[in-house]
């Protein structure tokens, strides 16, 4: 409920993924050069099998979240998340690994 998927760069969600309410998946970003700031860069997001995204998670462009990973509520995922990792925070960092 209330999720926002900006999919111009492509969004791939594998089987059995859980996505909490108000999650935001952003596949676009503006160019960093001020003279070209209105330009866009599109990169895909890939969410692996049995991933759990908590409520109010933001996943930025180009990120892959590995199978079985958990992203804690409110996290901002700026980099790839390995399989079986639990991540949280802003920016998201590994809290622990699932055994």
PDB file of N, CA and C in Angstrom:
ATOM      1  N   UNK A   1       0.834  -1.178   0.000  1.00  0.00           N
ATOM      2  CA  UNK A   1       0.000   0.000   0.000  1.00  0.00           C
ATOM      3  C   UNK A   1       0.887   1.252   0.000  1.00  0.00           C
ATOM      4  N   UNK A   2       0.588   2.182  -0.834  1.00  0.00           N
ATOM      5  CA  UNK A   2       1.288   3.457  -0.858  1.00  0.00           C
ATOM      6  C   UNK A   2       2.697   3.406  -1.429  1.00  0.00           C
ATOM      7  N   UNK A   3       3.070   2.324  -2.118  1.00  0.00           N
ATOM      8  CA  UNK A   3       4.418   2.206  -2.680  1.00  0.00           C
ATOM      9  C   UNK A   3       4.542   3.083  -3.925  1.00  0.00           C
ATOM     10  N   UNK A   4       5.777   3.502  -4.192  1.00  0.00           N
ATOM     11  CA  UNK A   4       6.064   4.312  -5.373  1.00  0.00           C
ATOM     12  C   UNK A   4       7.202   3.653  -6.134  1.00  0.00           C
ATOM     13  N   UNK A   5       6.934   3.261  -7.374  1.00  0.00           N
ATOM     14  CA  UNK A   5       7.930   2.612  -8.213  1.00  0.00           C
ATOM     15  C   UNK A   5       8.198   3.495  -9.422  1.00  0.00           C
ATOM     16  N   UNK A   6       9.382   4.087  -9.491  1.00  0.00           N
ATOM     17  CA  UNK A   6       9.795   4.905 -10.626  1.00  0.00           C
ATOM     18  C   UNK A   6      10.610   3.975 -11.524  1.00  0.00           C
ATOM     19  N   UNK A   7       9.981   3.433 -12.557  1.00  0.00           N
ATOM     20  CA  UNK A   7      10.541   2.265 -13.241  1.00  0.00           C
ATOM     21  C   UNK A   7      11.192   2.525 -14.592  1.00  0.00           C
ATOM     22  N   UNK A   8      11.527   3.753 -14.917  1.00  0.00           N
ATOM     23  CA  UNK A   8      12.112   4.020 -16.232  1.00  0.00           C
ATOM     24  C   UNK A   8      13.419   3.275 -16.449  1.00  0.00           C
ATOM     25  N   UNK A   9      14.163   2.961 -15.394  1.00  0.00           N
ATOM     26  CA  UNK A   9      15.417   2.222 -15.526  1.00  0.00           C
ATOM     27  C   UNK A   9      15.231   0.725 -15.466  1.00  0.00           C
ATOM     28  N   UNK A  10      14.040   0.284 -15.108  1.00  0.00           N
ATOM     29  CA  UNK A  10      13.738  -1.137 -15.003  1.00  0.00           C
ATOM     30  C   UNK A  10      13.752  -1.603 -13.555  1.00  0.00           C
ATOM     31  N   UNK A  11      12.729  -2.337 -13.168  1.00  0.00           N
ATOM     32  CA  UNK A  11      12.639  -2.924 -11.835  1.00  0.00           C
ATOM     33  C   UNK A  11      12.353  -4.406 -12.012  1.00  0.00           C
ATOM     34  N   UNK A  12      13.172  -5.237 -11.368  1.00  0.00           N
ATOM     35  CA  UNK A  12      13.029  -6.689 -11.451  1.00  0.00           C
ATOM     36  C   UNK A  12      12.830  -7.223 -10.038  1.00  0.00           C
ATOM     37  N   UNK A  13      11.683  -7.856  -9.805  1.00  0.00           N
ATOM     38  CA  UNK A  13      11.349  -8.385  -8.486  1.00  0.00           C
ATOM     39  C   UNK A  13      11.169  -9.892  -8.631  1.00  0.00           C
ATOM     40  N   UNK A  14      12.033 -10.650  -7.937  1.00  0.00           N
ATOM     41  CA  UNK A  14      11.981 -12.107  -8.019  1.00  0.00           C
ATOM     42  C   UNK A  14      10.877 -12.668  -7.120  1.00  0.00           C
ATOM     43  N   UNK A  15      10.673 -13.968  -7.208  1.00  0.00           N
ATOM     44  CA  UNK A  15       9.586 -14.652  -6.500  1.00  0.00           C
ATOM     45  C   UNK A  15       9.666 -14.484  -4.992  1.00  0.00           C
ATOM     46  N   UNK A  16       8.491 -14.401  -4.384  1.00  0.00           N
ATOM     47  CA  UNK A  16       8.300 -14.406  -2.931  1.00  0.00           C
ATOM     48  C   UNK A  16       8.891 -13.199  -2.220  1.00  0.00           C
ATOM     49  N   UNK A  17       9.146 -12.106  -2.926  1.00  0.00           N
ATOM     50  CA  UNK A  17       9.624 -10.886  -2.271  1.00  0.00           C
ATOM     51  C   UNK A  17       8.452 -10.221  -1.538  1.00  0.00           C
ATOM     52  N   UNK A  18       8.748  -9.658  -0.371  1.00  0.00           N
ATOM     53  CA  UNK A  18       7.765  -8.915   0.416  1.00  0.00           C
ATOM     54  C   UNK A  18       8.165  -7.449   0.410  1.00  0.00           C
ATOM     55  N   UNK A  19       7.222  -6.569   0.107  1.00  0.00           N
ATOM     56  CA  UNK A  19       7.511  -5.141   0.033  1.00  0.00           C
ATOM     57  C   UNK A  19       6.545  -4.414   0.958  1.00  0.00           C
ATOM     58  N   UNK A  20       7.095  -3.776   1.989  1.00  0.00           N
ATOM     59  CA  UNK A  20       6.300  -3.068   2.983  1.00  0.00           C
ATOM     60  C   UNK A  20       5.669  -1.797   2.425  1.00  0.00           C
ATOM     61  N   UNK A  21       4.676  -1.292   3.174  1.00  0.00           N
ATOM     62  CA  UNK A  21       3.971  -0.102   2.712  1.00  0.00           C
ATOM     63  C   UNK A  21       4.904   1.108   2.652  1.00  0.00           C
ATOM     64  N   UNK A  22       4.592   1.983   1.725  1.00  0.00           N
ATOM     65  CA  UNK A  22       5.320   3.233   1.466  1.00  0.00           C
ATOM     66  C   UNK A  22       6.753   3.022   0.980  1.00  0.00           C
ATOM     67  N   UNK A  23       7.081   1.844   0.483  1.00  0.00           N
ATOM     68  CA  UNK A  23       8.405   1.640  -0.109  1.00  0.00           C
ATOM     69  C   UNK A  23       8.522   2.469  -1.381  1.00  0.00           C
ATOM     70  N   UNK A  24       9.729   2.969  -1.639  1.00  0.00           N
ATOM     71  CA  UNK A  24       9.999   3.756  -2.839  1.00  0.00           C
ATOM     72  C   UNK A  24      11.186   3.146  -3.567  1.00  0.00           C
ATOM     73  N   UNK A  25      10.994   2.827  -4.847  1.00  0.00           N
ATOM     74  CA  UNK A  25      12.063   2.302  -5.695  1.00  0.00           C
ATOM     75  C   UNK A  25      12.344   3.338  -6.782  1.00  0.00           C
ATOM     76  N   UNK A  26      13.553   3.891  -6.779  1.00  0.00           N
ATOM     77  CA  UNK A  26      13.907   5.008  -7.670  1.00  0.00           C
ATOM     78  C   UNK A  26      14.964   4.573  -8.671  1.00  0.00           C
ATOM     79  N   UNK A  27      14.607   4.444  -9.939  1.00  0.00           N
ATOM     80  CA  UNK A  27      15.563   4.022 -10.955  1.00  0.00           C
ATOM     81  C   UNK A  27      16.193   5.187 -11.714  1.00  0.00           C
ATOM     82  N   UNK A  28      15.804   6.404 -11.401  1.00  0.00           N
ATOM     83  CA  UNK A  28      16.360   7.583 -12.069  1.00  0.00           C
ATOM     84  C   UNK A  28      17.122   8.451 -11.082  1.00  0.00           C
ATOM     85  N   UNK A  29      18.140   9.134 -11.588  1.00  0.00           N
ATOM     86  CA  UNK A  29      18.859  10.124 -10.800  1.00  0.00           C
ATOM     87  C   UNK A  29      19.265  11.249 -11.734  1.00  0.00           C
ATOM     88  N   UNK A  30      19.396  12.447 -11.190  1.00  0.00           N
ATOM     89  CA  UNK A  30      19.840  13.590 -11.986  1.00  0.00           C
ATOM     90  C   UNK A  30      21.353  13.560 -12.151  1.00  0.00           C
ATOM     91  N   UNK A  31      21.827  14.196 -13.199  1.00  0.00           N
ATOM     92  CA  UNK A  31      23.260  14.304 -13.442  1.00  0.00           C
ATOM     93  C   UNK A  31      23.890  15.227 -12.397  1.00  0.00           C
ATOM     94  N   UNK A  32      25.096  14.910 -11.932  1.00  0.00           N
ATOM     95  CA  UNK A  32      25.710  15.741 -10.887  1.00  0.00           C
ATOM     96  C   UNK A  32      26.236  17.089 -11.379  1.00  0.00           C
ATOM     97  N   UNK A  33      26.583  17.206 -12.665  1.00  0.00           N
ATOM     98  CA  UNK A  33      27.103  18.459 -13.217  1.00  0.00           C
ATOM     99  C   UNK A  33      25.998  19.516 -13.204  1.00  0.00           C
ATOM    100  N   UNK A  34      26.208  20.648 -12.513  1.00  0.00           N
ATOM    101  CA  UNK A  34      25.158  21.670 -12.437  1.00  0.00           C
ATOM    102  C   UNK A  34      24.670  22.158 -13.804  1.00  0.00           C
ATOM    103  N   UNK A  35      25.562  22.190 -14.797  1.00  0.00           N
ATOM    104  CA  UNK A  35      25.166  22.648 -16.129  1.00  0.00           C
ATOM    105  C   UNK A  35      24.234  21.657 -16.811  1.00  0.00           C
ATOM    106  N   UNK A  36      24.230  20.402 -16.356  1.00  0.00           N
ATOM    107  CA  UNK A  36      23.387  19.367 -16.965  1.00  0.00           C
ATOM    108  C   UNK A  36      22.434  18.747 -15.937  1.00  0.00           C
ATOM    109  N   UNK A  37      22.185  19.423 -14.848  1.00  0.00           N
ATOM    110  CA  UNK A  37      21.430  18.878 -13.731  1.00  0.00           C
ATOM    111  C   UNK A  37      20.053  18.359 -14.115  1.00  0.00           C
ATOM    112  N   UNK A  38      19.440  18.928 -15.130  1.00  0.00           N
ATOM    113  CA  UNK A  38      18.102  18.465 -15.539  1.00  0.00           C
ATOM    114  C   UNK A  38      18.158  17.122 -16.267  1.00  0.00           C
ATOM    115  N   UNK A  39      19.357  16.705 -16.687  1.00  0.00           N
ATOM    116  CA  UNK A  39      19.498  15.420 -17.363  1.00  0.00           C
ATOM    117  C   UNK A  39      19.304  14.264 -16.392  1.00  0.00           C
ATOM    118  N   UNK A  40      19.000  13.096 -16.924  1.00  0.00           N
ATOM    119  CA  UNK A  40      18.721  11.931 -16.089  1.00  0.00           C
ATOM    120  C   UNK A  40      19.626  10.749 -16.432  1.00  0.00           C
ATOM    121  N   UNK A  41      19.906   9.936 -15.424  1.00  0.00           N
ATOM    122  CA  UNK A  41      20.604   8.658 -15.581  1.00  0.00           C
ATOM    123  C   UNK A  41      19.646   7.587 -15.076  1.00  0.00           C
ATOM    124  N   UNK A  42      19.377   6.593 -15.912  1.00  0.00           N
ATOM    125  CA  UNK A  42      18.480   5.488 -15.527  1.00  0.00           C
ATOM    126  C   UNK A  42      19.300   4.230 -15.328  1.00  0.00           C
ATOM    127  N   UNK A  43      19.075   3.544 -14.193  1.00  0.00           N
ATOM    128  CA  UNK A  43      19.729   2.261 -13.911  1.00  0.00           C
ATOM    129  C   UNK A  43      18.727   1.362 -13.205  1.00  0.00           C
ATOM    130  N   UNK A  44      18.752   0.054 -13.478  1.00  0.00           N
ATOM    131  CA  UNK A  44      17.739  -0.850 -12.933  1.00  0.00           C
ATOM    132  C   UNK A  44      17.941  -1.182 -11.454  1.00  0.00           C
ATOM    133  N   UNK A  45      16.869  -1.630 -10.840  1.00  0.00           N
ATOM    134  CA  UNK A  45      16.868  -2.181  -9.486  1.00  0.00           C
ATOM    135  C   UNK A  45      16.482  -3.645  -9.610  1.00  0.00           C
ATOM    136  N   UNK A  46      17.199  -4.519  -8.864  1.00  0.00           N
ATOM    137  CA  UNK A  46      16.877  -5.940  -8.869  1.00  0.00           C
ATOM    138  C   UNK A  46      16.691  -6.394  -7.422  1.00  0.00           C
ATOM    139  N   UNK A  47      15.520  -6.929  -7.134  1.00  0.00           N
ATOM    140  CA  UNK A  47      15.200  -7.443  -5.803  1.00  0.00           C
ATOM    141  C   UNK A  47      15.129  -8.961  -5.916  1.00  0.00           C
ATOM    142  N   UNK A  48      15.984  -9.649  -5.161  1.00  0.00           N
ATOM    143  CA  UNK A  48      16.111 -11.093  -5.253  1.00  0.00           C
ATOM    144  C   UNK A  48      14.957 -11.868  -4.635  1.00  0.00           C
ATOM    145  N   UNK A  49      15.103 -13.186  -4.668  1.00  0.00           N
ATOM    146  CA  UNK A  49      14.082 -14.095  -4.142  1.00  0.00           C
ATOM    147  C   UNK A  49      13.993 -13.985  -2.625  1.00  0.00           C
ATOM    148  N   UNK A  50      12.771 -14.013  -2.126  1.00  0.00           N
ATOM    149  CA  UNK A  50      12.478 -14.023  -0.686  1.00  0.00           C
ATOM    150  C   UNK A  50      13.081 -12.835   0.064  1.00  0.00           C
ATOM    151  N   UNK A  51      13.258 -11.721  -0.621  1.00  0.00           N
ATOM    152  CA  UNK A  51      13.711 -10.486   0.020  1.00  0.00           C
ATOM    153  C   UNK A  51      12.535  -9.884   0.783  1.00  0.00           C
ATOM    154  N   UNK A  52      12.841  -9.241   1.900  1.00  0.00           N
ATOM    155  CA  UNK A  52      11.824  -8.541   2.683  1.00  0.00           C
ATOM    156  C   UNK A  52      12.259  -7.089   2.809  1.00  0.00           C
ATOM    157  N   UNK A  53      11.496  -6.184   2.187  1.00  0.00           N
ATOM    158  CA  UNK A  53      11.712  -4.751   2.338  1.00  0.00           C
ATOM    159  C   UNK A  53      10.721  -4.249   3.374  1.00  0.00           C
ATOM    160  N   UNK A  54      11.205  -3.654   4.435  1.00  0.00           N
ATOM    161  CA  UNK A  54      10.328  -3.130   5.476  1.00  0.00           C
ATOM    162  C   UNK A  54       9.593  -1.875   5.021  1.00  0.00           C
ATOM    163  N   UNK A  55       8.737  -1.372   5.895  1.00  0.00           N
ATOM    164  CA  UNK A  55       7.957  -0.162   5.602  1.00  0.00           C
ATOM    165  C   UNK A  55       8.878   1.045   5.425  1.00  0.00           C
ATOM    166  N   UNK A  56       8.501   1.922   4.517  1.00  0.00           N
ATOM    167  CA  UNK A  56       9.193   3.196   4.293  1.00  0.00           C
ATOM    168  C   UNK A  56      10.645   3.043   3.835  1.00  0.00           C
ATOM    169  N   UNK A  57      10.967   1.946   3.175  1.00  0.00           N
ATOM    170  CA  UNK A  57      12.303   1.726   2.621  1.00  0.00           C
ATOM    171  C   UNK A  57      12.422   2.496   1.302  1.00  0.00           C
ATOM    172  N   UNK A  58      13.609   3.038   1.042  1.00  0.00           N
ATOM    173  CA  UNK A  58      13.924   3.652  -0.247  1.00  0.00           C
ATOM    174  C   UNK A  58      15.094   2.896  -0.858  1.00  0.00           C
ATOM    175  N   UNK A  59      14.929   2.440  -2.106  1.00  0.00           N
ATOM    176  CA  UNK A  59      15.999   1.756  -2.840  1.00  0.00           C
ATOM    177  C   UNK A  59      16.358   2.641  -4.029  1.00  0.00           C
ATOM    178  N   UNK A  60      17.639   3.006  -4.124  1.00  0.00           N
ATOM    179  CA  UNK A  60      18.087   3.895  -5.190  1.00  0.00           C
ATOM    180  C   UNK A  60      18.531   3.133  -6.427  1.00  0.00           C
ATOM    181  N   UNK A  61      18.713   3.872  -7.483  1.00  0.00           N
ATOM    182  CA  UNK A  61      19.024   3.312  -8.799  1.00  0.00           C
ATOM    183  C   UNK A  61      20.262   2.446  -8.796  1.00  0.00           C
ATOM    184  N   UNK A  62      20.210   1.393  -9.612  1.00  0.00           N
ATOM    185  CA  UNK A  62      21.355   0.528  -9.819  1.00  0.00           C
ATOM    186  C   UNK A  62      21.611  -0.487  -8.720  1.00  0.00           C
ATOM    187  N   UNK A  63      20.748  -0.556  -7.713  1.00  0.00           N
ATOM    188  CA  UNK A  63      20.969  -1.444  -6.565  1.00  0.00           C
ATOM    189  C   UNK A  63      20.422  -2.841  -6.845  1.00  0.00           C
ATOM    190  N   UNK A  64      21.183  -3.849  -6.413  1.00  0.00           N
ATOM    191  CA  UNK A  64      20.728  -5.239  -6.401  1.00  0.00           C
ATOM    192  C   UNK A  64      20.654  -5.682  -4.949  1.00  0.00           C
ATOM    193  N   UNK A  65      19.531  -6.253  -4.563  1.00  0.00           N
ATOM    194  CA  UNK A  65      19.351  -6.795  -3.219  1.00  0.00           C
ATOM    195  C   UNK A  65      19.313  -8.309  -3.365  1.00  0.00           C
ATOM    196  N   UNK A  66      20.292  -8.986  -2.744  1.00  0.00           N
ATOM    197  CA  UNK A  66      20.463 -10.424  -2.908  1.00  0.00           C
ATOM    198  C   UNK A  66      19.358 -11.243  -2.263  1.00  0.00           C
ATOM    199  N   UNK A  67      19.256 -12.491  -2.698  1.00  0.00           N
ATOM    200  CA  UNK A  67      18.239 -13.418  -2.197  1.00  0.00           C
ATOM    201  C   UNK A  67      18.249 -13.476  -0.670  1.00  0.00           C
ATOM    202  N   UNK A  68      17.057 -13.571  -0.101  1.00  0.00           N
ATOM    203  CA  UNK A  68      16.829 -13.762   1.336  1.00  0.00           C
ATOM    204  C   UNK A  68      17.198 -12.565   2.208  1.00  0.00           C
ATOM    205  N   UNK A  69      17.634 -11.457   1.623  1.00  0.00           N
ATOM    206  CA  UNK A  69      18.037 -10.292   2.414  1.00  0.00           C
ATOM    207  C   UNK A  69      16.820  -9.638   3.063  1.00  0.00           C
ATOM    208  N   UNK A  70      17.077  -8.927   4.161  1.00  0.00           N
ATOM    209  CA  UNK A  70      16.052  -8.142   4.850  1.00  0.00           C
ATOM    210  C   UNK A  70      16.546  -6.705   4.914  1.00  0.00           C
ATOM    211  N   UNK A  71      15.684  -5.760   4.534  1.00  0.00           N
ATOM    212  CA  UNK A  71      16.001  -4.342   4.631  1.00  0.00           C
ATOM    213  C   UNK A  71      15.078  -3.753   5.692  1.00  0.00           C
ATOM    214  N   UNK A  72      15.670  -3.241   6.769  1.00  0.00           N
ATOM    215  CA  UNK A  72      14.906  -2.734   7.906  1.00  0.00           C
ATOM    216  C   UNK A  72      14.064  -1.521   7.514  1.00  0.00           C
ATOM    217  N   UNK A  73      12.968  -1.354   8.223  1.00  0.00           N
ATOM    218  CA  UNK A  73      12.058  -0.230   7.985  1.00  0.00           C
ATOM    219  C   UNK A  73      12.823   1.091   8.018  1.00  0.00           C
ATOM    220  N   UNK A  74      12.513   1.960   7.061  1.00  0.00           N
ATOM    221  CA  UNK A  74      13.093   3.292   7.010  1.00  0.00           C
ATOM    222  C   UNK A  74      14.479   3.382   6.400  1.00  0.00           C
ATOM    223  N   UNK A  75      15.049   2.259   6.002  1.00  0.00           N
ATOM    224  CA  UNK A  75      16.406   2.268   5.444  1.00  0.00           C
ATOM    225  C   UNK A  75      16.433   2.913   4.061  1.00  0.00           C
ATOM    226  N   UNK A  76      17.587   3.487   3.724  1.00  0.00           N
ATOM    227  CA  UNK A  76      17.830   4.022   2.384  1.00  0.00           C
ATOM    228  C   UNK A  76      18.977   3.199   1.793  1.00  0.00           C
ATOM    229  N   UNK A  77      18.657   2.394   0.783  1.00  0.00           N
ATOM    230  CA  UNK A  77      19.630   1.473   0.197  1.00  0.00           C
ATOM    231  C   UNK A  77      20.303   2.159  -0.991  1.00  0.00           C
ATOM    232  N   UNK A  78      21.592   2.459  -0.824  1.00  0.00           N
ATOM    233  CA  UNK A  78      22.349   3.168  -1.854  1.00  0.00           C
ATOM    234  C   UNK A  78      23.338   2.273  -2.588  1.00  0.00           C
ATOM    235  N   UNK A  79      23.608   1.078  -2.011  1.00  0.00           N
ATOM    236  CA  UNK A  79      24.577   0.137  -2.588  1.00  0.00           C
ATOM    237  C   UNK A  79      23.994  -1.269  -2.569  1.00  0.00           C
ATOM    238  N   UNK A  80      24.591  -2.160  -3.349  1.00  0.00           N
ATOM    239  CA  UNK A  80      24.134  -3.542  -3.392  1.00  0.00           C
ATOM    240  C   UNK A  80      24.134  -4.171  -1.999  1.00  0.00           C
ATOM    241  N   UNK A  81      23.168  -5.052  -1.779  1.00  0.00           N
ATOM    242  CA  UNK A  81      23.030  -5.790  -0.525  1.00  0.00           C
ATOM    243  C   UNK A  81      23.309  -7.256  -0.842  1.00  0.00           C
ATOM    244  N   UNK A  82      24.258  -7.881  -0.121  1.00  0.00           N
ATOM    245  CA  UNK A  82      24.529  -9.293  -0.406  1.00  0.00           C
ATOM    246  C   UNK A  82      23.381 -10.200   0.020  1.00  0.00           C
ATOM    247  N   UNK A  83      23.326 -11.375  -0.571  1.00  0.00           N
ATOM    248  CA  UNK A  83      22.336 -12.378  -0.180  1.00  0.00           C
ATOM    249  C   UNK A  83      22.486 -12.674   1.310  1.00  0.00           C
ATOM    250  N   UNK A  84      21.354 -12.925   1.971  1.00  0.00           N
ATOM    251  CA  UNK A  84      21.307 -13.323   3.385  1.00  0.00           C
ATOM    252  C   UNK A  84      21.763 -12.243   4.359  1.00  0.00           C
ATOM    253  N   UNK A  85      21.796 -10.990   3.935  1.00  0.00           N
ATOM    254  CA  UNK A  85      22.190  -9.896   4.825  1.00  0.00           C
ATOM    255  C   UNK A  85      20.952  -9.211   5.395  1.00  0.00           C
ATOM    256  N   UNK A  86      21.098  -8.689   6.604  1.00  0.00           N
ATOM    257  CA  UNK A  86      20.105  -7.791   7.186  1.00  0.00           C
ATOM    258  C   UNK A  86      20.765  -6.423   7.217  1.00  0.00           C
ATOM    259  N   UNK A  87      20.122  -5.440   6.576  1.00  0.00           N
ATOM    260  CA  UNK A  87      20.676  -4.092   6.507  1.00  0.00           C
ATOM    261  C   UNK A  87      19.675  -3.095   7.078  1.00  0.00           C
ATOM    262  N   UNK A  88      20.189  -1.974   7.545  1.00  0.00           N
ATOM    263  CA  UNK A  88      19.329  -0.918   8.057  1.00  0.00           C
ATOM    264  C   UNK A  88      20.100   0.376   8.146  1.00  0.00           C
ATOM    265  N   UNK A  89      19.379   1.473   8.296  1.00  0.00           N
ATOM    266  CA  UNK A  89      19.978   2.788   8.478  1.00  0.00           C
ATOM    267  C   UNK A  89      19.969   3.630   7.229  1.00  0.00           C
ATOM    268  N   UNK A  90      20.547   4.836   7.389  1.00  0.00           N
ATOM    269  CA  UNK A  90      20.617   5.812   6.305  1.00  0.00           C
ATOM    270  C   UNK A  90      22.057   6.324   6.236  1.00  0.00           C
ATOM    271  N   UNK A  91      22.838   5.892   5.268  1.00  0.00           N
ATOM    272  CA  UNK A  91      22.526   4.861   4.276  1.00  0.00           C
ATOM    273  C   UNK A  91      22.550   3.476   4.919  1.00  0.00           C
ATOM    274  N   UNK A  92      21.906   2.535   4.263  1.00  0.00           N
ATOM    275  CA  UNK A  92      21.811   1.165   4.802  1.00  0.00           C
ATOM    276  C   UNK A  92      23.185   0.526   4.888  1.00  0.00           C
ATOM    277  N   UNK A  93      23.435  -0.142   6.024  1.00  0.00           N
ATOM    278  CA  UNK A  93      24.674  -0.882   6.251  1.00  0.00           C
ATOM    279  C   UNK A  93      24.317  -2.258   6.785  1.00  0.00           C
ATOM    280  N   UNK A  94      25.210  -3.205   6.613  1.00  0.00           N
ATOM    281  CA  UNK A  94      24.951  -4.555   7.111  1.00  0.00           C
ATOM    282  C   UNK A  94      24.915  -4.556   8.636  1.00  0.00           C
ATOM    283  N   UNK A  95      23.821  -5.078   9.178  1.00  0.00           N
ATOM    284  CA  UNK A  95      23.662  -5.239  10.622  1.00  0.00           C
ATOM    285  C   UNK A  95      24.163  -6.613  11.033  1.00  0.00           C
ATOM    286  N   UNK A  96      23.740  -7.622  10.280  1.00  0.00           N
ATOM    287  CA  UNK A  96      24.224  -8.991  10.514  1.00  0.00           C
ATOM    288  C   UNK A  96      23.848  -9.838   9.313  1.00  0.00           C
ATOM    289  N   UNK A  97      24.377 -11.050   9.304  1.00  0.00           N
ATOM    290  CA  UNK A  97      24.077 -12.010   8.248  1.00  0.00           C
ATOM    291  C   UNK A  97      23.113 -13.060   8.795  1.00  0.00           C
ATOM    292  N   UNK A  98      22.227 -13.547   7.938  1.00  0.00           N
ATOM    293  CA  UNK A  98      21.302 -14.612   8.294  1.00  0.00           C
ATOM    294  C   UNK A  98      22.038 -15.938   8.123  1.00  0.00           C
ATOM    295  N   UNK A  99      22.021 -16.760   9.160  1.00  0.00           N
ATOM    296  CA  UNK A  99      22.729 -18.053   9.085  1.00  0.00           C
ATOM    297  C   UNK A  99      21.833 -19.146   8.576  1.00  0.00           C
TER     298      UNK A  99
END
